[in-house]
């Protein structure tokens, strides 16, 4: 898993070395900003 899983939508592909001792993977992260607005009239 990524060290910070926040916003991770999917992981893959996961590829193993022939001896299966190491792997590499990619992932897609979607982050957004949330704003709080108070006092609007």
PDB file of N, CA and C in Angstrom:
ATOM      1  N   UNK A   1       0.843  -1.188   0.000  1.00  0.00           N
ATOM      2  CA  UNK A   1       0.000   0.000   0.000  1.00  0.00           C
ATOM      3  C   UNK A   1       0.886   1.249   0.000  1.00  0.00           C
ATOM      4  N   UNK A   2       0.373   2.339  -0.585  1.00  0.00           N
ATOM      5  CA  UNK A   2       1.099   3.603  -0.493  1.00  0.00           C
ATOM      6  C   UNK A   2       1.245   4.018   0.976  1.00  0.00           C
ATOM      7  N   UNK A   3       2.312   4.748   1.290  1.00  0.00           N
ATOM      8  CA  UNK A   3       2.534   5.142   2.680  1.00  0.00           C
ATOM      9  C   UNK A   3       1.424   6.043   3.203  1.00  0.00           C
ATOM     10  N   UNK A   4       0.817   6.856   2.339  1.00  0.00           N
ATOM     11  CA  UNK A   4      -0.335   7.682   2.710  1.00  0.00           C
ATOM     12  C   UNK A   4      -1.496   7.282   1.818  1.00  0.00           C
ATOM     13  N   UNK A   5      -2.449   6.516   2.331  1.00  0.00           N
ATOM     14  CA  UNK A   5      -3.540   6.023   1.498  1.00  0.00           C
ATOM     15  C   UNK A   5      -4.639   7.050   1.207  1.00  0.00           C
ATOM     16  N   UNK A   6      -4.507   8.274   1.698  1.00  0.00           N
ATOM     17  CA  UNK A   6      -5.546   9.281   1.476  1.00  0.00           C
ATOM     18  C   UNK A   6      -5.769   9.511  -0.009  1.00  0.00           C
ATOM     19  N   UNK A   7      -7.013   9.390  -0.435  1.00  0.00           N
ATOM     20  CA  UNK A   7      -7.380   9.681  -1.804  1.00  0.00           C
ATOM     21  C   UNK A   7      -7.050   8.608  -2.820  1.00  0.00           C
ATOM     22  N   UNK A   8      -6.484   7.484  -2.394  1.00  0.00           N
ATOM     23  CA  UNK A   8      -6.137   6.431  -3.348  1.00  0.00           C
ATOM     24  C   UNK A   8      -7.417   5.762  -3.833  1.00  0.00           C
ATOM     25  N   UNK A   9      -7.622   5.794  -5.140  1.00  0.00           N
ATOM     26  CA  UNK A   9      -8.827   5.209  -5.729  1.00  0.00           C
ATOM     27  C   UNK A   9      -8.615   3.786  -6.222  1.00  0.00           C
ATOM     28  N   UNK A  10      -7.463   3.528  -6.798  1.00  0.00           N
ATOM     29  CA  UNK A  10      -7.180   2.164  -7.253  1.00  0.00           C
ATOM     30  C   UNK A  10      -5.673   1.937  -7.274  1.00  0.00           C
ATOM     31  N   UNK A  11      -5.305   0.687  -7.191  1.00  0.00           N
ATOM     32  CA  UNK A  11      -3.897   0.281  -7.204  1.00  0.00           C
ATOM     33  C   UNK A  11      -3.733  -0.764  -8.295  1.00  0.00           C
ATOM     34  N   UNK A  12      -2.679  -0.625  -9.090  1.00  0.00           N
ATOM     35  CA  UNK A  12      -2.415  -1.642 -10.085  1.00  0.00           C
ATOM     36  C   UNK A  12      -1.847  -1.031 -11.344  1.00  0.00           C
ATOM     37  N   UNK A  13      -1.271  -1.800 -12.165  1.00  0.00           N
ATOM     38  CA  UNK A  13      -1.033  -3.228 -11.993  1.00  0.00           C
ATOM     39  C   UNK A  13       0.069  -3.487 -10.961  1.00  0.00           C
ATOM     40  N   UNK A  14       0.045  -4.658 -10.383  1.00  0.00           N
ATOM     41  CA  UNK A  14       1.078  -5.091  -9.446  1.00  0.00           C
ATOM     42  C   UNK A  14       1.933  -6.124 -10.174  1.00  0.00           C
ATOM     43  N   UNK A  15       3.218  -5.847 -10.272  1.00  0.00           N
ATOM     44  CA  UNK A  15       4.131  -6.741 -10.984  1.00  0.00           C
ATOM     45  C   UNK A  15       5.134  -7.324 -10.002  1.00  0.00           C
ATOM     46  N   UNK A  16       5.378  -8.619 -10.088  1.00  0.00           N
ATOM     47  CA  UNK A  16       6.329  -9.319  -9.229  1.00  0.00           C
ATOM     48  C   UNK A  16       7.577  -9.695 -10.005  1.00  0.00           C
ATOM     49  N   UNK A  17       8.700  -9.719  -9.305  1.00  0.00           N
ATOM     50  CA  UNK A  17       9.916 -10.262  -9.903  1.00  0.00           C
ATOM     51  C   UNK A  17       9.754 -11.765 -10.027  1.00  0.00           C
ATOM     52  N   UNK A  18      10.559 -12.423 -10.876  1.00  0.00           N
ATOM     53  CA  UNK A  18      10.417 -13.870 -11.057  1.00  0.00           C
ATOM     54  C   UNK A  18      10.525 -14.670  -9.757  1.00  0.00           C
ATOM     55  N   UNK A  19      11.320 -14.188  -8.794  1.00  0.00           N
ATOM     56  CA  UNK A  19      11.435 -14.920  -7.528  1.00  0.00           C
ATOM     57  C   UNK A  19      10.362 -14.500  -6.511  1.00  0.00           C
ATOM     58  N   UNK A  20       9.501 -13.567  -6.877  1.00  0.00           N
ATOM     59  CA  UNK A  20       8.381 -13.087  -6.053  1.00  0.00           C
ATOM     60  C   UNK A  20       8.837 -12.445  -4.741  1.00  0.00           C
ATOM     61  N   UNK A  21      10.071 -11.967  -4.693  1.00  0.00           N
ATOM     62  CA  UNK A  21      10.556 -11.315  -3.476  1.00  0.00           C
ATOM     63  C   UNK A  21      10.356  -9.801  -3.513  1.00  0.00           C
ATOM     64  N   UNK A  22      10.133  -9.254  -4.694  1.00  0.00           N
ATOM     65  CA  UNK A  22       9.945  -7.813  -4.846  1.00  0.00           C
ATOM     66  C   UNK A  22       8.778  -7.544  -5.775  1.00  0.00           C
ATOM     67  N   UNK A  23       8.183  -6.371  -5.591  1.00  0.00           N
ATOM     68  CA  UNK A  23       7.077  -5.992  -6.472  1.00  0.00           C
ATOM     69  C   UNK A  23       7.135  -4.494  -6.732  1.00  0.00           C
ATOM     70  N   UNK A  24       6.429  -4.100  -7.757  1.00  0.00           N
ATOM     71  CA  UNK A  24       6.265  -2.691  -8.099  1.00  0.00           C
ATOM     72  C   UNK A  24       4.796  -2.499  -8.465  1.00  0.00           C
ATOM     73  N   UNK A  25       4.272  -1.323  -8.134  1.00  0.00           N
ATOM     74  CA  UNK A  25       2.877  -1.058  -8.439  1.00  0.00           C
ATOM     75  C   UNK A  25       2.685   0.429  -8.692  1.00  0.00           C
ATOM     76  N   UNK A  26       1.600   0.761  -9.310  1.00  0.00           N
ATOM     77  CA  UNK A  26       1.213   2.144  -9.509  1.00  0.00           C
ATOM     78  C   UNK A  26      -0.142   2.366  -8.865  1.00  0.00           C
ATOM     79  N   UNK A  27      -0.467   3.621  -8.620  1.00  0.00           N
ATOM     80  CA  UNK A  27      -1.784   3.915  -8.057  1.00  0.00           C
ATOM     81  C   UNK A  27      -2.260   5.276  -8.507  1.00  0.00           C
ATOM     82  N   UNK A  28      -3.567   5.459  -8.450  1.00  0.00           N
ATOM     83  CA  UNK A  28      -4.198   6.718  -8.832  1.00  0.00           C
ATOM     84  C   UNK A  28      -4.736   7.372  -7.572  1.00  0.00           C
ATOM     85  N   UNK A  29      -4.374   8.642  -7.388  1.00  0.00           N
ATOM     86  CA  UNK A  29      -4.812   9.383  -6.198  1.00  0.00           C
ATOM     87  C   UNK A  29      -5.666  10.572  -6.648  1.00  0.00           C
ATOM     88  N   UNK A  30      -6.790  10.762  -5.985  1.00  0.00           N
ATOM     89  CA  UNK A  30      -7.669  11.892  -6.267  1.00  0.00           C
ATOM     90  C   UNK A  30      -7.838  12.688  -4.977  1.00  0.00           C
ATOM     91  N   UNK A  31      -7.315  13.903  -4.978  1.00  0.00           N
ATOM     92  CA  UNK A  31      -7.437  14.780  -3.818  1.00  0.00           C
ATOM     93  C   UNK A  31      -8.217  16.031  -4.220  1.00  0.00           C
ATOM     94  N   UNK A  32      -8.875  16.643  -3.265  1.00  0.00           N
ATOM     95  CA  UNK A  32      -9.653  17.855  -3.515  1.00  0.00           C
ATOM     96  C   UNK A  32      -9.559  18.755  -2.290  1.00  0.00           C
ATOM     97  N   UNK A  33      -9.951  19.992  -2.461  1.00  0.00           N
ATOM     98  CA  UNK A  33     -10.000  20.947  -1.365  1.00  0.00           C
ATOM     99  C   UNK A  33     -11.449  21.169  -0.963  1.00  0.00           C
ATOM    100  N   UNK A  34     -11.664  21.296   0.324  1.00  0.00           N
ATOM    101  CA  UNK A  34     -12.999  21.569   0.848  1.00  0.00           C
ATOM    102  C   UNK A  34     -12.922  22.907   1.574  1.00  0.00           C
ATOM    103  N   UNK A  35     -13.809  23.822   1.212  1.00  0.00           N
ATOM    104  CA  UNK A  35     -13.830  25.143   1.806  1.00  0.00           C
ATOM    105  C   UNK A  35     -15.096  25.319   2.618  1.00  0.00           C
ATOM    106  N   UNK A  36     -14.976  25.916   3.789  1.00  0.00           N
ATOM    107  CA  UNK A  36     -16.125  26.235   4.634  1.00  0.00           C
ATOM    108  C   UNK A  36     -16.310  27.753   4.603  1.00  0.00           C
ATOM    109  N   UNK A  37     -17.486  28.181   4.160  1.00  0.00           N
ATOM    110  CA  UNK A  37     -17.780  29.603   4.079  1.00  0.00           C
ATOM    111  C   UNK A  37     -18.906  29.892   5.061  1.00  0.00           C
ATOM    112  N   UNK A  38     -18.672  30.837   5.942  1.00  0.00           N
ATOM    113  CA  UNK A  38     -19.696  31.207   6.917  1.00  0.00           C
ATOM    114  C   UNK A  38     -20.034  32.679   6.780  1.00  0.00           C
ATOM    115  N   UNK A  39     -21.224  33.051   7.204  1.00  0.00           N
ATOM    116  CA  UNK A  39     -21.618  34.450   7.254  1.00  0.00           C
ATOM    117  C   UNK A  39     -22.070  35.049   5.940  1.00  0.00           C
ATOM    118  N   UNK A  40     -22.419  34.252   4.954  1.00  0.00           N
ATOM    119  CA  UNK A  40     -22.925  34.790   3.689  1.00  0.00           C
ATOM    120  C   UNK A  40     -24.366  35.258   3.865  1.00  0.00           C
ATOM    121  N   UNK A  41     -24.709  36.320   3.177  1.00  0.00           N
ATOM    122  CA  UNK A  41     -26.095  36.824   3.241  1.00  0.00           C
ATOM    123  C   UNK A  41     -26.664  36.950   1.853  1.00  0.00           C
TER     124      UNK A  41
END
